[in-house]
Amino acid sequence: MLWAALSLLTASFLAATLLPGSSEVLLVALIVQYPDAVGTLVLVAAIGNTGGSLLNYALGIWLGRPVAERFPRIVSRNRLEQAEAWFARFGKWTLLFAWLPVVGDPLTVVAGVLRTQIIPFIVLVAVGKLARYLVIAAGVQAFGQ
């Protein structure tokens, strides 16, 4: 179980960065394999995924928008503009949706570029990501029986 949890932590961390990837399939497989450890697996996935978003946040602070725009394969200009528009409209509350495909990762970069306060960033991102993993786990348990 330790190696499974470490694999999930790594996969969920990487999935939340600007690199392509997904952790949901691994989470589902591990829940099926370790049904008594659902809570631990969900928590590990949420922690790893939040950690990956923190890396994006840090990149936003350190590199800023001009550097992010120079690497369109990592964050396309369109995605960055979408994320900025969401941030302009809804503020830090958009971070509850950092788990969304396509715009979620750029949202966390934009939060760094805009120097969003770190505590609200962590709380909002973690809540959104934990909720997503809880829904996935509930679905696996509901359909697995």
C-alpha atoms as a PDB file:
ATOM      1  CA  MET A   1       0.000   0.000   0.000  1.00  0.00           C
ATOM      2  CA  LEU A   2       2.910   2.383   0.694  1.00  0.00           C
ATOM      3  CA  TRP A   3       4.182   2.167  -2.893  1.00  0.00           C
ATOM      4  CA  ALA A   4       0.660   2.578  -4.204  1.00  0.00           C
ATOM      5  CA  ALA A   5       0.182   5.733  -2.140  1.00  0.00           C
ATOM      6  CA  LEU A   6       3.562   7.144  -3.216  1.00  0.00           C
ATOM      7  CA  SER A   7       2.716   6.412  -6.859  1.00  0.00           C
ATOM      8  CA  LEU A   8      -0.622   8.170  -6.468  1.00  0.00           C
ATOM      9  CA  LEU A   9       1.026  11.136  -4.740  1.00  0.00           C
ATOM     10  CA  THR A  10       3.512  11.465  -7.598  1.00  0.00           C
ATOM     11  CA  ALA A  11       0.914  11.004 -10.343  1.00  0.00           C
ATOM     12  CA  SER A  12      -1.494  13.496  -8.788  1.00  0.00           C
ATOM     13  CA  PHE A  13       1.313  16.023  -8.270  1.00  0.00           C
ATOM     14  CA  LEU A  14       2.448  15.775 -11.892  1.00  0.00           C
ATOM     15  CA  ALA A  15      -1.138  15.846 -13.191  1.00  0.00           C
ATOM     16  CA  ALA A  16      -1.653  19.245 -11.560  1.00  0.00           C
ATOM     17  CA  THR A  17       1.418  20.794 -13.133  1.00  0.00           C
ATOM     18  CA  LEU A  18       1.540  22.191 -16.621  1.00  0.00           C
ATOM     19  CA  LEU A  19       2.685  18.784 -17.863  1.00  0.00           C
ATOM     20  CA  PRO A  20       0.025  16.611 -19.477  1.00  0.00           C
ATOM     21  CA  GLY A  21      -1.235  13.799 -17.297  1.00  0.00           C
ATOM     22  CA  SER A  22      -4.046  12.386 -15.259  1.00  0.00           C
ATOM     23  CA  SER A  23      -4.299  10.807 -11.828  1.00  0.00           C
ATOM     24  CA  GLU A  24      -7.947   9.732 -11.889  1.00  0.00           C
ATOM     25  CA  VAL A  25      -7.360   6.360 -13.560  1.00  0.00           C
ATOM     26  CA  LEU A  26      -4.713   5.433 -10.993  1.00  0.00           C
ATOM     27  CA  LEU A  27      -6.975   6.553  -8.145  1.00  0.00           C
ATOM     28  CA  VAL A  28      -9.827   4.400  -9.461  1.00  0.00           C
ATOM     29  CA  ALA A  29      -7.540   1.380  -9.849  1.00  0.00           C
ATOM     30  CA  LEU A  30      -6.165   1.796  -6.332  1.00  0.00           C
ATOM     31  CA  ILE A  31      -9.628   2.201  -4.807  1.00  0.00           C
ATOM     32  CA  VAL A  32     -10.651  -1.056  -6.489  1.00  0.00           C
ATOM     33  CA  GLN A  33      -7.496  -2.748  -5.216  1.00  0.00           C
ATOM     34  CA  TYR A  34      -7.590  -1.230  -1.705  1.00  0.00           C
ATOM     35  CA  PRO A  35     -11.274  -0.560  -0.924  1.00  0.00           C
ATOM     36  CA  ASP A  36     -10.574  -0.182   2.801  1.00  0.00           C
ATOM     37  CA  ALA A  37      -8.128   2.654   2.138  1.00  0.00           C
ATOM     38  CA  VAL A  38     -10.427   4.966   0.166  1.00  0.00           C
ATOM     39  CA  GLY A  39     -10.088   7.864   2.596  1.00  0.00           C
ATOM     40  CA  THR A  40      -6.307   7.653   2.621  1.00  0.00           C
ATOM     41  CA  LEU A  41      -6.123   7.386  -1.162  1.00  0.00           C
ATOM     42  CA  VAL A  42      -8.408  10.387  -1.681  1.00  0.00           C
ATOM     43  CA  LEU A  43      -6.393  12.436   0.800  1.00  0.00           C
ATOM     44  CA  VAL A  44      -3.082  11.456  -0.823  1.00  0.00           C
ATOM     45  CA  ALA A  45      -4.404  12.356  -4.286  1.00  0.00           C
ATOM     46  CA  ALA A  46      -5.711  15.718  -3.057  1.00  0.00           C
ATOM     47  CA  ILE A  47      -2.422  16.541  -1.315  1.00  0.00           C
ATOM     48  CA  GLY A  48      -0.365  15.636  -4.383  1.00  0.00           C
ATOM     49  CA  ASN A  49      -2.641  17.540  -6.740  1.00  0.00           C
ATOM     50  CA  THR A  50      -2.620  20.609  -4.511  1.00  0.00           C
ATOM     51  CA  GLY A  51       1.174  20.400  -4.369  1.00  0.00           C
ATOM     52  CA  GLY A  52       1.357  20.431  -8.165  1.00  0.00           C
ATOM     53  CA  SER A  53      -0.842  23.516  -8.221  1.00  0.00           C
ATOM     54  CA  LEU A  54       1.520  25.162  -5.734  1.00  0.00           C
ATOM     55  CA  LEU A  55       4.338  24.557  -8.202  1.00  0.00           C
ATOM     56  CA  ASN A  56       2.288  26.308 -10.912  1.00  0.00           C
ATOM     57  CA  TYR A  57       1.635  29.172  -8.488  1.00  0.00           C
ATOM     58  CA  ALA A  58       5.362  29.491  -7.807  1.00  0.00           C
ATOM     59  CA  LEU A  59       6.112  29.456 -11.534  1.00  0.00           C
ATOM     60  CA  GLY A  60       3.595  32.268 -11.970  1.00  0.00           C
ATOM     61  CA  ILE A  61       5.366  34.314  -9.306  1.00  0.00           C
ATOM     62  CA  TRP A  62       8.902  33.570 -10.508  1.00  0.00           C
ATOM     63  CA  LEU A  63       8.392  33.615 -14.242  1.00  0.00           C
ATOM     64  CA  GLY A  64       5.451  35.936 -14.672  1.00  0.00           C
ATOM     65  CA  ARG A  65       3.258  36.348 -17.707  1.00  0.00           C
ATOM     66  CA  PRO A  66       5.964  37.411 -20.215  1.00  0.00           C
ATOM     67  CA  VAL A  67       7.950  34.223 -19.680  1.00  0.00           C
ATOM     68  CA  ALA A  68       4.806  32.063 -19.649  1.00  0.00           C
ATOM     69  CA  GLU A  69       3.844  33.562 -23.012  1.00  0.00           C
ATOM     70  CA  ARG A  70       7.226  32.600 -24.467  1.00  0.00           C
ATOM     71  CA  PHE A  71       6.433  28.913 -23.917  1.00  0.00           C
ATOM     72  CA  PRO A  72       3.053  28.437 -25.636  1.00  0.00           C
ATOM     73  CA  ARG A  73       3.385  24.644 -25.613  1.00  0.00           C
ATOM     74  CA  ILE A  74       3.270  24.701 -21.835  1.00  0.00           C
ATOM     75  CA  VAL A  75       0.590  27.376 -21.423  1.00  0.00           C
ATOM     76  CA  SER A  76      -1.027  28.596 -24.598  1.00  0.00           C
ATOM     77  CA  ARG A  77      -1.790  32.289 -24.869  1.00  0.00           C
ATOM     78  CA  ASN A  78      -5.482  31.412 -25.271  1.00  0.00           C
ATOM     79  CA  ARG A  79      -5.576  29.359 -22.052  1.00  0.00           C
ATOM     80  CA  LEU A  80      -3.701  32.034 -20.153  1.00  0.00           C
ATOM     81  CA  GLU A  81      -6.162  34.672 -21.380  1.00  0.00           C
ATOM     82  CA  GLN A  82      -9.128  32.445 -20.455  1.00  0.00           C
ATOM     83  CA  ALA A  83      -7.727  31.960 -16.968  1.00  0.00           C
ATOM     84  CA  GLU A  84      -7.108  35.694 -16.576  1.00  0.00           C
ATOM     85  CA  ALA A  85     -10.665  36.455 -17.710  1.00  0.00           C
ATOM     86  CA  TRP A  86     -12.057  34.021 -15.134  1.00  0.00           C
ATOM     87  CA  PHE A  87      -9.857  35.588 -12.471  1.00  0.00           C
ATOM     88  CA  ALA A  88     -10.917  39.100 -13.448  1.00  0.00           C
ATOM     89  CA  ARG A  89     -14.573  38.132 -13.284  1.00  0.00           C
ATOM     90  CA  PHE A  90     -14.720  35.882 -10.225  1.00  0.00           C
ATOM     91  CA  GLY A  91     -11.498  36.604  -8.335  1.00  0.00           C
ATOM     92  CA  LYS A  92      -9.825  34.070  -6.095  1.00  0.00           C
ATOM     93  CA  TRP A  93     -13.013  31.932  -6.006  1.00  0.00           C
ATOM     94  CA  THR A  94     -12.062  30.601  -9.428  1.00  0.00           C
ATOM     95  CA  LEU A  95      -9.424  28.558  -7.621  1.00  0.00           C
ATOM     96  CA  LEU A  96     -12.174  26.192  -6.476  1.00  0.00           C
ATOM     97  CA  PHE A  97     -12.165  25.085 -10.131  1.00  0.00           C
ATOM     98  CA  ALA A  98      -8.413  24.534 -10.459  1.00  0.00           C
ATOM     99  CA  TRP A  99      -9.224  20.848 -11.044  1.00  0.00           C
ATOM    100  CA  LEU A 100     -10.923  21.558 -14.382  1.00  0.00           C
ATOM    101  CA  PRO A 101      -9.233  20.303 -17.525  1.00  0.00           C
ATOM    102  CA  VAL A 102      -7.744  22.885 -19.893  1.00  0.00           C
ATOM    103  CA  VAL A 103      -8.132  26.030 -17.736  1.00  0.00           C
ATOM    104  CA  GLY A 104      -7.401  24.667 -14.250  1.00  0.00           C
ATOM    105  CA  ASP A 105      -3.613  24.599 -14.468  1.00  0.00           C
ATOM    106  CA  PRO A 106      -3.357  28.048 -16.098  1.00  0.00           C
ATOM    107  CA  LEU A 107      -5.638  29.410 -13.347  1.00  0.00           C
ATOM    108  CA  THR A 108      -3.057  28.438 -10.753  1.00  0.00           C
ATOM    109  CA  VAL A 109      -0.283  30.068 -12.795  1.00  0.00           C
ATOM    110  CA  VAL A 110      -2.354  33.261 -13.122  1.00  0.00           C
ATOM    111  CA  ALA A 111      -2.906  33.217  -9.347  1.00  0.00           C
ATOM    112  CA  GLY A 112       0.863  33.339  -8.980  1.00  0.00           C
ATOM    113  CA  VAL A 113       1.287  36.046 -11.603  1.00  0.00           C
ATOM    114  CA  LEU A 114      -1.337  38.126  -9.787  1.00  0.00           C
ATOM    115  CA  ARG A 115       0.308  37.399  -6.422  1.00  0.00           C
ATOM    116  CA  THR A 116      -2.833  35.922  -4.852  1.00  0.00           C
ATOM    117  CA  GLN A 117      -2.361  35.436  -1.109  1.00  0.00           C
ATOM    118  CA  ILE A 118      -0.936  31.974  -0.425  1.00  0.00           C
ATOM    119  CA  ILE A 119      -3.312  30.816   2.347  1.00  0.00           C
ATOM    120  CA  PRO A 120      -6.534  31.473   0.399  1.00  0.00           C
ATOM    121  CA  PHE A 121      -4.850  29.913  -2.643  1.00  0.00           C
ATOM    122  CA  ILE A 122      -4.028  26.690  -0.790  1.00  0.00           C
ATOM    123  CA  VAL A 123      -7.420  26.453   0.909  1.00  0.00           C
ATOM    124  CA  LEU A 124      -9.487  27.072  -2.226  1.00  0.00           C
ATOM    125  CA  VAL A 125      -7.405  24.824  -4.474  1.00  0.00           C
ATOM    126  CA  ALA A 126      -7.340  22.030  -1.881  1.00  0.00           C
ATOM    127  CA  VAL A 127     -11.103  22.200  -1.293  1.00  0.00           C
ATOM    128  CA  GLY A 128     -11.845  21.976  -5.023  1.00  0.00           C
ATOM    129  CA  LYS A 129      -9.419  19.138  -5.631  1.00  0.00           C
ATOM    130  CA  LEU A 130     -10.551  17.188  -2.570  1.00  0.00           C
ATOM    131  CA  ALA A 131     -14.179  17.538  -3.671  1.00  0.00           C
ATOM    132  CA  ARG A 132     -13.331  16.193  -7.123  1.00  0.00           C
ATOM    133  CA  TYR A 133     -11.515  13.158  -5.714  1.00  0.00           C
ATOM    134  CA  LEU A 134     -14.358  12.504  -3.263  1.00  0.00           C
ATOM    135  CA  VAL A 135     -16.832  12.461  -6.153  1.00  0.00           C
ATOM    136  CA  ILE A 136     -14.623  10.053  -8.079  1.00  0.00           C
ATOM    137  CA  ALA A 137     -14.268   7.776  -5.037  1.00  0.00           C
ATOM    138  CA  ALA A 138     -18.008   7.846  -4.403  1.00  0.00           C
ATOM    139  CA  GLY A 139     -18.614   6.910  -8.024  1.00  0.00           C
ATOM    140  CA  VAL A 140     -16.203   3.986  -7.829  1.00  0.00           C
ATOM    141  CA  GLN A 141     -17.817   2.743  -4.646  1.00  0.00           C
ATOM    142  CA  ALA A 142     -21.337   3.141  -6.019  1.00  0.00           C
ATOM    143  CA  PHE A 143     -20.603   1.330  -9.273  1.00  0.00           C
ATOM    144  CA  GLY A 144     -18.207  -1.169  -7.756  1.00  0.00           C
ATOM    145  CA  GLN A 145     -20.825  -2.882  -5.620  1.00  0.00           C
END
